[in-house]
Amino acid sequence: MGTSFPFSICVPNDPVTFGGVLVVLALVAMFTSCVPARKATRIEPMVALRSE
């Protein structure tokens, strides 16, 4: 007996959708990693070490 869903599942197969999702995820990953890195470059190293 196979599993059946009570609703239709539509899985996009076109490369444009996959490409768009890939670009959006890459941009989000770059943004979320660049913001803390930019903050870290603005701090003096000795000030950061003294506060620990």
N, C-alpha and C. Protein backbone atom coordinates (compact mmCIF):
# COMPACT_ATOMS: atom_id res chain seq x y z
N MET A 1 0.85 -1.17 0.00
CA MET A 1 0.00 0.00 0.00
C MET A 1 0.89 1.23 0.00
N GLY A 2 0.74 2.07 -0.99
CA GLY A 2 1.57 3.26 -1.13
C GLY A 2 1.05 4.39 -0.26
N THR A 3 1.88 5.33 -0.03
CA THR A 3 1.49 6.50 0.75
C THR A 3 0.90 7.54 -0.19
N SER A 4 -0.23 8.07 0.17
CA SER A 4 -0.84 9.11 -0.66
C SER A 4 -1.14 10.31 0.23
N PHE A 5 -0.95 11.47 -0.35
CA PHE A 5 -1.21 12.70 0.37
C PHE A 5 -2.61 13.19 0.04
N PRO A 6 -3.28 13.82 0.98
CA PRO A 6 -4.63 14.33 0.71
C PRO A 6 -4.62 15.61 -0.13
N PHE A 7 -3.43 16.07 -0.50
CA PHE A 7 -3.31 17.27 -1.30
C PHE A 7 -2.22 17.05 -2.34
N SER A 8 -2.22 17.88 -3.33
CA SER A 8 -1.26 17.75 -4.41
C SER A 8 0.04 18.46 -4.04
N ILE A 9 1.16 17.81 -4.27
CA ILE A 9 2.46 18.40 -4.00
C ILE A 9 3.09 18.74 -5.35
N CYS A 10 3.40 20.01 -5.52
CA CYS A 10 4.00 20.47 -6.77
C CYS A 10 5.47 20.76 -6.52
N VAL A 11 6.34 19.97 -7.12
CA VAL A 11 7.77 20.15 -6.98
C VAL A 11 8.28 20.82 -8.26
N PRO A 12 8.84 22.02 -8.13
CA PRO A 12 9.32 22.70 -9.34
C PRO A 12 10.54 21.99 -9.92
N ASN A 13 10.51 21.76 -11.20
CA ASN A 13 11.61 21.07 -11.87
C ASN A 13 12.38 21.97 -12.81
N ASP A 14 11.97 23.21 -12.97
CA ASP A 14 12.65 24.04 -13.96
C ASP A 14 13.94 24.63 -13.40
N PRO A 15 14.95 24.75 -14.24
CA PRO A 15 16.25 25.25 -13.78
C PRO A 15 16.22 26.72 -13.36
N VAL A 16 15.29 27.50 -13.87
CA VAL A 16 15.21 28.91 -13.50
C VAL A 16 14.86 29.03 -12.01
N THR A 17 13.94 28.22 -11.54
CA THR A 17 13.56 28.25 -10.12
C THR A 17 14.73 27.83 -9.25
N PHE A 18 15.40 26.74 -9.61
CA PHE A 18 16.55 26.29 -8.83
C PHE A 18 17.66 27.33 -8.84
N GLY A 19 17.90 27.94 -9.98
CA GLY A 19 18.91 28.97 -10.07
C GLY A 19 18.57 30.18 -9.23
N GLY A 20 17.29 30.58 -9.26
CA GLY A 20 16.85 31.72 -8.45
C GLY A 20 16.99 31.46 -6.97
N VAL A 21 16.62 30.28 -6.54
CA VAL A 21 16.75 29.91 -5.12
C VAL A 21 18.23 29.88 -4.74
N LEU A 22 19.06 29.34 -5.61
CA LEU A 22 20.49 29.29 -5.33
C LEU A 22 21.07 30.68 -5.17
N VAL A 23 20.69 31.60 -6.04
CA VAL A 23 21.20 32.98 -5.97
C VAL A 23 20.73 33.65 -4.69
N VAL A 24 19.46 33.49 -4.35
CA VAL A 24 18.92 34.13 -3.14
C VAL A 24 19.62 33.58 -1.89
N LEU A 25 19.79 32.27 -1.83
CA LEU A 25 20.47 31.69 -0.66
C LEU A 25 21.93 32.12 -0.58
N ALA A 26 22.60 32.24 -1.72
CA ALA A 26 23.99 32.69 -1.71
C ALA A 26 24.09 34.14 -1.24
N LEU A 27 23.16 34.99 -1.68
CA LEU A 27 23.18 36.38 -1.25
C LEU A 27 22.91 36.51 0.25
N VAL A 28 21.98 35.74 0.75
CA VAL A 28 21.68 35.77 2.19
C VAL A 28 22.89 35.29 2.99
N ALA A 29 23.54 34.24 2.53
CA ALA A 29 24.72 33.72 3.24
C ALA A 29 25.85 34.73 3.22
N MET A 30 26.07 35.37 2.09
CA MET A 30 27.13 36.38 2.02
C MET A 30 26.82 37.57 2.91
N PHE A 31 25.57 38.02 2.93
CA PHE A 31 25.21 39.16 3.76
C PHE A 31 25.36 38.85 5.24
N THR A 32 24.89 37.67 5.65
CA THR A 32 24.94 37.34 7.08
C THR A 32 26.36 37.06 7.56
N SER A 33 27.26 36.73 6.66
CA SER A 33 28.64 36.52 7.09
C SER A 33 29.48 37.80 6.96
N CYS A 34 29.10 38.70 6.09
CA CYS A 34 29.88 39.94 5.91
C CYS A 34 29.61 40.97 6.99
N VAL A 35 28.41 41.01 7.51
CA VAL A 35 28.08 42.02 8.53
C VAL A 35 28.94 41.84 9.79
N PRO A 36 29.03 40.65 10.38
CA PRO A 36 29.90 40.51 11.55
C PRO A 36 31.39 40.71 11.21
N ALA A 37 31.79 40.32 10.02
CA ALA A 37 33.19 40.48 9.63
C ALA A 37 33.54 41.97 9.51
N ARG A 38 32.63 42.77 8.98
CA ARG A 38 32.90 44.21 8.88
C ARG A 38 32.97 44.84 10.25
N LYS A 39 32.10 44.40 11.17
CA LYS A 39 32.16 44.93 12.53
C LYS A 39 33.48 44.56 13.20
N ALA A 40 33.95 43.36 12.95
CA ALA A 40 35.20 42.91 13.58
C ALA A 40 36.40 43.66 13.06
N THR A 41 36.36 44.11 11.82
CA THR A 41 37.52 44.84 11.29
C THR A 41 37.60 46.26 11.82
N ARG A 42 36.54 46.78 12.37
CA ARG A 42 36.54 48.16 12.87
C ARG A 42 37.02 48.26 14.31
N ILE A 43 37.20 47.15 14.99
CA ILE A 43 37.61 47.16 16.39
C ILE A 43 39.13 47.06 16.47
N GLU A 44 39.72 47.86 17.35
CA GLU A 44 41.16 47.77 17.59
C GLU A 44 41.46 46.43 18.27
N PRO A 45 42.47 45.70 17.83
CA PRO A 45 42.76 44.38 18.41
C PRO A 45 43.09 44.44 19.90
N MET A 46 43.83 45.45 20.32
CA MET A 46 44.19 45.52 21.74
C MET A 46 42.98 45.85 22.61
N VAL A 47 42.07 46.65 22.10
CA VAL A 47 40.85 46.96 22.85
C VAL A 47 40.01 45.69 23.02
N ALA A 48 39.93 44.92 21.97
CA ALA A 48 39.16 43.67 22.05
C ALA A 48 39.79 42.68 23.02
N LEU A 49 41.13 42.62 23.03
CA LEU A 49 41.80 41.71 23.94
C LEU A 49 41.72 42.16 25.38
N ARG A 50 41.72 43.46 25.64
CA ARG A 50 41.63 43.97 27.00
C ARG A 50 40.27 43.71 27.62
N SER A 51 39.24 43.69 26.80
CA SER A 51 37.88 43.53 27.34
C SER A 51 37.56 42.09 27.69
N GLU A 52 38.44 41.16 27.36
CA GLU A 52 38.16 39.74 27.68
C GLU A 52 38.57 39.39 29.07
